[in-house]
Amino acid sequence: MFGKYYRQIDDKNRVVVPPKLLQELGKEFYITIGIDKNLVLRTVSSFKNEN
């Protein structure tokens, strides 16, 4: 799952994740900081395989 999604932070410092991504990520996932200070969303298994 790859792609760019432009999101904004609301007044309570929250980011809305598109429903399509939530379905693919599952109930638990990791958010990390990637190259160029982008946020990267990873499934639990993907995160554990890289670390």
Protein backbone atom coordinates (compact mmCIF):
# COMPACT_ATOMS: atom_id res chain seq x y z
CA MET A 1 0.00 0.00 0.00
CA PHE A 2 1.67 3.16 -1.19
CA GLY A 3 0.47 6.65 -1.91
CA LYS A 4 0.44 10.22 -0.78
CA TYR A 5 -2.41 11.67 1.19
CA TYR A 6 -2.43 15.30 2.19
CA ARG A 7 -4.04 15.79 5.59
CA GLN A 8 -4.35 18.65 8.02
CA ILE A 9 -4.22 18.72 11.78
CA ASP A 10 -7.44 19.91 13.41
CA ASP A 11 -7.78 22.22 16.42
CA LYS A 12 -7.27 19.28 18.80
CA ASN A 13 -4.04 18.16 17.03
CA ARG A 14 -5.70 15.15 15.36
CA VAL A 15 -5.26 13.81 11.86
CA VAL A 16 -8.09 12.01 10.08
CA VAL A 17 -6.90 8.81 8.42
CA PRO A 18 -8.91 7.91 5.28
CA PRO A 19 -11.24 4.92 5.85
CA LYS A 20 -9.62 2.97 2.98
CA LEU A 21 -6.27 3.08 4.78
CA LEU A 22 -7.80 2.13 8.12
CA GLN A 23 -9.31 -0.99 6.55
CA GLU A 24 -5.92 -2.04 5.20
CA LEU A 25 -3.97 -1.16 8.36
CA GLY A 26 -6.29 -2.87 10.83
CA LYS A 27 -7.12 -1.88 14.40
CA GLU A 28 -3.50 -1.40 15.44
CA PHE A 29 -0.76 0.24 13.42
CA TYR A 30 2.37 2.33 13.81
CA ILE A 31 3.02 5.88 12.69
CA THR A 32 6.68 6.73 12.20
CA ILE A 33 8.59 9.65 10.74
CA GLY A 34 10.07 8.82 7.36
CA ILE A 35 12.41 10.50 4.92
CA ASP A 36 11.79 14.23 4.48
CA LYS A 37 9.87 14.24 7.79
CA ASN A 38 6.78 12.57 6.29
CA LEU A 39 4.52 10.43 8.45
CA VAL A 40 4.62 6.75 7.52
CA LEU A 41 1.77 4.43 8.53
CA ARG A 42 2.76 0.76 8.94
CA THR A 43 0.95 -2.39 9.89
CA VAL A 44 2.18 -4.14 13.03
CA SER A 45 3.75 -6.96 11.01
CA SER A 46 5.48 -4.55 8.63
CA PHE A 47 6.88 -2.55 11.53
CA LYS A 48 8.18 -5.60 13.37
CA ASN A 49 9.80 -7.04 10.24
CA GLU A 50 11.86 -3.90 9.65
CA ASN A 51 13.09 -3.51 13.25
